[in-house]
C-alpha atoms as a PDB file:
ATOM      1  CA  UNK A   1      99.966  78.168   4.078  1.00  0.00           C
ATOM      2  CA  UNK A   2      97.427  78.638   1.295  1.00  0.00           C
ATOM      3  CA  UNK A   3      98.339  77.421  -2.170  1.00  0.00           C
ATOM      4  CA  UNK A   4      98.179  80.085  -4.882  1.00  0.00           C
ATOM      5  CA  UNK A   5      95.765  79.202  -7.705  1.00  0.00           C
ATOM      6  CA  UNK A   6      96.158  80.715 -11.185  1.00  0.00           C
ATOM      7  CA  UNK A   7      94.924  79.965 -14.687  1.00  0.00           C
ATOM      8  CA  UNK A   8      98.489  79.346 -16.044  1.00  0.00           C
ATOM      9  CA  UNK A   9      97.628  80.390 -19.591  1.00  0.00           C
ATOM     10  CA  UNK A  10     100.638  81.232 -21.715  1.00  0.00           C
ATOM     11  CA  UNK A  11     101.062  84.944 -22.508  1.00  0.00           C
ATOM     12  CA  UNK A  12      98.151  86.062 -20.303  1.00  0.00           C
ATOM     13  CA  UNK A  13      98.474  89.873 -20.062  1.00  0.00           C
ATOM     14  CA  UNK A  14      95.032  90.582 -18.576  1.00  0.00           C
ATOM     15  CA  UNK A  15      96.111  91.421 -14.989  1.00  0.00           C
ATOM     16  CA  UNK A  16      99.383  93.366 -15.144  1.00  0.00           C
ATOM     17  CA  UNK A  17      99.933  94.261 -18.804  1.00  0.00           C
ATOM     18  CA  UNK A  18     102.852  91.791 -19.007  1.00  0.00           C
ATOM     19  CA  UNK A  19     102.847  88.006 -19.403  1.00  0.00           C
ATOM     20  CA  UNK A  20     101.725  86.601 -16.039  1.00  0.00           C
ATOM     21  CA  UNK A  21     104.052  84.192 -14.197  1.00  0.00           C
ATOM     22  CA  UNK A  22     102.631  80.665 -14.313  1.00  0.00           C
ATOM     23  CA  UNK A  23     102.674  78.814 -10.956  1.00  0.00           C
ATOM     24  CA  UNK A  24     102.497  75.097 -10.073  1.00  0.00           C
ATOM     25  CA  UNK A  25     102.722  73.459  -6.631  1.00  0.00           C
ATOM     26  CA  UNK A  26     103.857  69.938  -5.715  1.00  0.00           C
ATOM     27  CA  UNK A  27     103.543  68.329  -2.303  1.00  0.00           C
ATOM     28  CA  UNK A  28     106.601  66.751  -0.703  1.00  0.00           C
ATOM     29  CA  UNK A  29     107.154  63.019  -1.152  1.00  0.00           C
ATOM     30  CA  UNK A  30     109.528  61.063   1.048  1.00  0.00           C
ATOM     31  CA  UNK A  31     112.739  63.065   1.450  1.00  0.00           C
ATOM     32  CA  UNK A  32     111.838  65.613  -1.242  1.00  0.00           C
ATOM     33  CA  UNK A  33     110.495  68.921   0.074  1.00  0.00           C
ATOM     34  CA  UNK A  34     107.329  70.514  -1.281  1.00  0.00           C
ATOM     35  CA  UNK A  35     107.983  72.981  -4.084  1.00  0.00           C
ATOM     36  CA  UNK A  36     106.623  75.694  -6.320  1.00  0.00           C
ATOM     37  CA  UNK A  37     107.552  75.769  -9.992  1.00  0.00           C
ATOM     38  CA  UNK A  38     107.389  79.225 -11.560  1.00  0.00           C
ATOM     39  CA  UNK A  39     107.427  79.487 -15.349  1.00  0.00           C
ATOM     40  CA  UNK A  40     107.816  82.535 -17.528  1.00  0.00           C
ATOM     41  CA  UNK A  41     104.559  83.754 -19.057  1.00  0.00           C
ATOM     42  CA  UNK A  42     105.931  83.907 -22.600  1.00  0.00           C
ATOM     43  CA  UNK A  43     108.469  81.042 -22.840  1.00  0.00           C
ATOM     44  CA  UNK A  44     109.518  77.800 -21.094  1.00  0.00           C
ATOM     45  CA  UNK A  45     112.095  79.221 -18.648  1.00  0.00           C
ATOM     46  CA  UNK A  46     111.415  77.965 -15.113  1.00  0.00           C
ATOM     47  CA  UNK A  47     112.472  78.395 -11.485  1.00  0.00           C
ATOM     48  CA  UNK A  48     111.888  75.868  -8.693  1.00  0.00           C
ATOM     49  CA  UNK A  49     111.440  76.936  -5.075  1.00  0.00           C
ATOM     50  CA  UNK A  50     111.700  74.171  -2.447  1.00  0.00           C
ATOM     51  CA  UNK A  51     110.541  75.072   1.065  1.00  0.00           C
ATOM     52  CA  UNK A  52     110.336  73.626   4.574  1.00  0.00           C
ATOM     53  CA  UNK A  53     109.674  74.939   8.092  1.00  0.00           C
ATOM     54  CA  UNK A  54     113.037  76.702   8.464  1.00  0.00           C
ATOM     55  CA  UNK A  55     114.755  76.978   5.073  1.00  0.00           C
ATOM     56  CA  UNK A  56     114.117  77.876   1.474  1.00  0.00           C
ATOM     57  CA  UNK A  57     115.893  76.854  -1.726  1.00  0.00           C
ATOM     58  CA  UNK A  58     115.406  79.169  -4.688  1.00  0.00           C
ATOM     59  CA  UNK A  59     117.049  78.211  -7.972  1.00  0.00           C
ATOM     60  CA  UNK A  60     119.491  75.852  -6.221  1.00  0.00           C
ATOM     61  CA  UNK A  61     120.559  78.410  -3.580  1.00  0.00           C
ATOM     62  CA  UNK A  62     119.703  77.169  -0.075  1.00  0.00           C
ATOM     63  CA  UNK A  63     119.287  79.555   2.865  1.00  0.00           C
ATOM     64  CA  UNK A  64     117.352  80.350   6.021  1.00  0.00           C
ATOM     65  CA  UNK A  65     113.955  81.990   5.584  1.00  0.00           C
ATOM     66  CA  UNK A  66     115.077  85.070   7.537  1.00  0.00           C
ATOM     67  CA  UNK A  67     118.081  85.406   5.229  1.00  0.00           C
ATOM     68  CA  UNK A  68     115.805  85.301   2.165  1.00  0.00           C
ATOM     69  CA  UNK A  69     113.520  87.915   3.770  1.00  0.00           C
ATOM     70  CA  UNK A  70     116.492  90.219   4.309  1.00  0.00           C
ATOM     71  CA  UNK A  71     117.436  89.912   0.634  1.00  0.00           C
ATOM     72  CA  UNK A  72     114.029  89.872  -1.090  1.00  0.00           C
ATOM     73  CA  UNK A  73     111.876  92.277   0.962  1.00  0.00           C
ATOM     74  CA  UNK A  74     113.767  95.420  -0.159  1.00  0.00           C
ATOM     75  CA  UNK A  75     113.385  94.285  -3.780  1.00  0.00           C
ATOM     76  CA  UNK A  76     109.645  93.733  -3.273  1.00  0.00           C
ATOM     77  CA  UNK A  77     109.347  97.036  -1.365  1.00  0.00           C
ATOM     78  CA  UNK A  78     108.128  95.384   1.844  1.00  0.00           C
ATOM     79  CA  UNK A  79     109.183  96.564   5.310  1.00  0.00           C
ATOM     80  CA  UNK A  80     108.638  95.206   8.819  1.00  0.00           C
ATOM     81  CA  UNK A  81     107.097  97.672  11.249  1.00  0.00           C
ATOM     82  CA  UNK A  82     106.036  96.737  14.797  1.00  0.00           C
ATOM     83  CA  UNK A  83     105.741  93.036  13.976  1.00  0.00           C
ATOM     84  CA  UNK A  84     103.764  93.593  10.758  1.00  0.00           C
ATOM     85  CA  UNK A  85     104.864  93.558   7.125  1.00  0.00           C
ATOM     86  CA  UNK A  86     103.816  96.711   5.284  1.00  0.00           C
ATOM     87  CA  UNK A  87     103.999  97.896   1.695  1.00  0.00           C
ATOM     88  CA  UNK A  88     106.794 100.498   1.597  1.00  0.00           C
ATOM     89  CA  UNK A  89     105.169 102.274  -1.368  1.00  0.00           C
ATOM     90  CA  UNK A  90     101.966 103.031   0.575  1.00  0.00           C
ATOM     91  CA  UNK A  91     103.458 103.341   4.043  1.00  0.00           C
ATOM     92  CA  UNK A  92     100.543 102.453   6.294  1.00  0.00           C
ATOM     93  CA  UNK A  93      98.682  99.558   4.675  1.00  0.00           C
ATOM     94  CA  UNK A  94      99.379  96.265   6.484  1.00  0.00           C
ATOM     95  CA  UNK A  95     100.113  93.208   4.340  1.00  0.00           C
ATOM     96  CA  UNK A  96     100.199  90.483   6.991  1.00  0.00           C
ATOM     97  CA  UNK A  97     101.001  89.919  10.625  1.00  0.00           C
ATOM     98  CA  UNK A  98     104.153  88.297  11.926  1.00  0.00           C
ATOM     99  CA  UNK A  99     103.824  84.521  12.026  1.00  0.00           C
ATOM    100  CA  UNK A 100     101.178  82.242  10.595  1.00  0.00           C
ATOM    101  CA  UNK A 101      97.697  83.631  10.046  1.00  0.00           C
ATOM    102  CA  UNK A 102      95.178  82.570  12.650  1.00  0.00           C
ATOM    103  CA  UNK A 103      91.729  81.341  11.810  1.00  0.00           C
ATOM    104  CA  UNK A 104      88.803  82.960  13.524  1.00  0.00           C
ATOM    105  CA  UNK A 105      87.096  80.777  16.066  1.00  0.00           C
ATOM    106  CA  UNK A 106      83.397  80.966  16.612  1.00  0.00           C
ATOM    107  CA  UNK A 107      82.393  82.524  19.874  1.00  0.00           C
ATOM    108  CA  UNK A 108      80.141  80.689  22.248  1.00  0.00           C
ATOM    109  CA  UNK A 109      76.640  82.040  22.535  1.00  0.00           C
ATOM    110  CA  UNK A 110      77.139  83.358  26.049  1.00  0.00           C
ATOM    111  CA  UNK A 111      74.356  85.839  26.917  1.00  0.00           C
ATOM    112  CA  UNK A 112      76.665  87.803  29.273  1.00  0.00           C
ATOM    113  CA  UNK A 113      78.767  89.069  26.301  1.00  0.00           C
END
């Protein structure tokens, strides 16, 4: 999973016309899971999201990742079609494939190819 990087300036309206959500990431230590801290762009309200391989805790509510997908994808206008996640507003544009993204491996320099 790639870690989202942002400038985290307070009241930054340059991208979306509204204060941008500020994002911080912490690695897990000992028994504590890794987490994202999301802060409001205009005040000090915050939300912590703890995650692991098979579950997700958002704002103190723990659940399976598939359960969170079922709840949040309709709100974010994302649908699953043929193993891919697509933007429901555009219909055909693919967001990501099912599962973890794969890195491209370099091909061997085989002259028969």
